[in-house]
Protein backbone atom coordinates (compact mmCIF):
# COMPACT_ATOMS: atom_id res chain seq x y z
CA MET A 1 -0.07 0.03 -0.04
CA ALA A 2 1.37 3.52 -0.82
CA SER A 3 2.10 6.12 1.57
CA THR A 4 0.16 9.36 1.58
CA ASP A 5 3.45 10.99 0.91
CA ASP A 6 3.46 9.25 -2.42
CA CYS A 7 0.68 11.38 -3.59
CA PHE A 8 2.66 14.68 -2.97
CA SER A 9 5.52 16.08 -4.78
CA PRO A 10 8.85 16.25 -2.55
CA GLU A 11 8.43 20.01 -2.34
CA GLU A 12 4.99 19.60 -0.88
CA VAL A 13 6.10 17.06 1.37
CA ALA A 14 8.93 19.40 2.71
CA SER A 15 6.43 22.01 2.84
CA ARG A 16 4.14 20.18 5.13
CA ASP A 17 7.00 19.11 7.23
CA GLU A 18 8.15 22.79 7.56
CA ILE A 19 4.65 23.63 8.67
CA LYS A 20 4.41 20.81 11.15
CA ASP A 21 7.99 21.96 12.77
CA LYS A 22 6.84 25.60 13.00
CA VAL A 23 3.38 24.65 14.81
CA TRP A 24 4.98 22.39 17.29
CA GLN A 25 7.70 25.08 17.99
CA ALA A 26 4.97 27.60 18.60
CA ILE A 27 3.02 25.16 20.67
CA GLY A 28 6.15 24.68 22.73
CA LYS A 29 6.35 28.32 23.48
CA LEU A 30 2.83 28.27 25.09
CA ASP A 31 2.22 28.26 28.80
CA GLU A 32 1.71 24.96 29.98
CA LYS A 33 -1.97 25.18 30.75
CA HIS A 34 -2.56 26.49 27.12
CA ARG A 35 -0.13 23.86 25.56
CA GLU A 36 -2.07 21.10 27.25
CA VAL A 37 -5.53 21.85 26.16
CA ILE A 38 -4.19 22.41 22.48
CA ILE A 39 -2.55 19.10 22.58
CA LEU A 40 -5.61 17.48 24.21
CA ARG A 41 -8.10 18.86 21.88
CA HIS A 42 -6.37 18.89 18.61
CA PHE A 43 -3.96 15.95 18.83
CA LYS A 44 -5.69 13.55 21.16
CA ASN A 45 -9.18 14.48 19.80
CA MET A 46 -10.60 14.99 23.23
CA SER A 47 -13.91 16.60 23.66
CA TYR A 48 -14.20 19.78 26.01
CA ASP A 49 -15.87 17.70 28.63
CA GLN A 50 -13.08 15.11 28.59
CA ILE A 51 -10.56 17.79 28.68
CA ALA A 52 -12.18 19.28 31.77
CA GLU A 53 -12.47 15.92 33.45
CA ALA A 54 -8.71 15.05 32.98
CA LEU A 55 -7.55 18.58 34.04
CA PHE A 56 -9.98 18.62 36.99
CA CYS A 57 -11.42 21.93 35.93
CA ASN A 58 -14.74 23.17 34.39
CA LYS A 59 -15.61 23.26 30.73
CA GLY A 60 -15.64 26.93 30.73
CA THR A 61 -12.08 27.12 31.76
CA VAL A 62 -11.24 24.72 28.95
CA THR A 63 -13.01 27.02 26.44
CA SER A 64 -11.10 29.95 27.94
CA ARG A 65 -7.83 28.30 27.69
CA LEU A 66 -8.24 27.08 24.03
CA TYR A 67 -9.43 30.50 23.09
CA TYR A 68 -6.22 32.30 24.65
CA ALA A 69 -3.93 29.40 23.23
CA ARG A 70 -5.35 29.66 19.61
CA LYS A 71 -4.99 33.55 19.93
CA LYS A 72 -1.20 33.23 21.04
CA LEU A 73 -0.70 30.41 18.33
CA GLU A 74 -2.16 33.17 15.59
CA GLU A 75 0.32 35.77 16.95
CA LEU A 76 3.41 33.26 16.90
CA LEU A 77 2.48 31.71 13.62
CA GLY A 78 1.71 34.96 11.95
CA THR A 79 -1.90 33.60 11.00
CA GLY A 80 -5.04 35.79 11.48
CA LYS A 81 -8.84 35.44 11.59
CA GLY A 82 -9.68 32.86 8.79
CA GLY A 83 -6.32 31.19 9.05
CA PHE A 84 -5.92 27.35 9.86
CA ILE A 85 -5.52 28.05 13.49
CA HIS A 86 -8.72 29.94 13.78
CA ASP A 87 -10.68 27.18 11.81
CA MET A 88 -9.92 24.42 14.31
CA PRO A 89 -13.06 23.12 16.19
């Protein structure tokens, strides 16, 4: 079975890898409380309720932390409203 990278040119793969690196570097610059909600939501696919339970906080706190984490990522990555960070659920 062919890998998904076989569907893309070497330039596209390199560009994707560069974007991934930049995103992870930016995530690493977040405060721990913001970094953990981003990782749990977008990389572990946990719901807001699951995150709240895991972090022993309420759903409103999770919502707030995600909001501020995304704003900081937009600032660090130079993306604005309508960028891929803003479009994350």
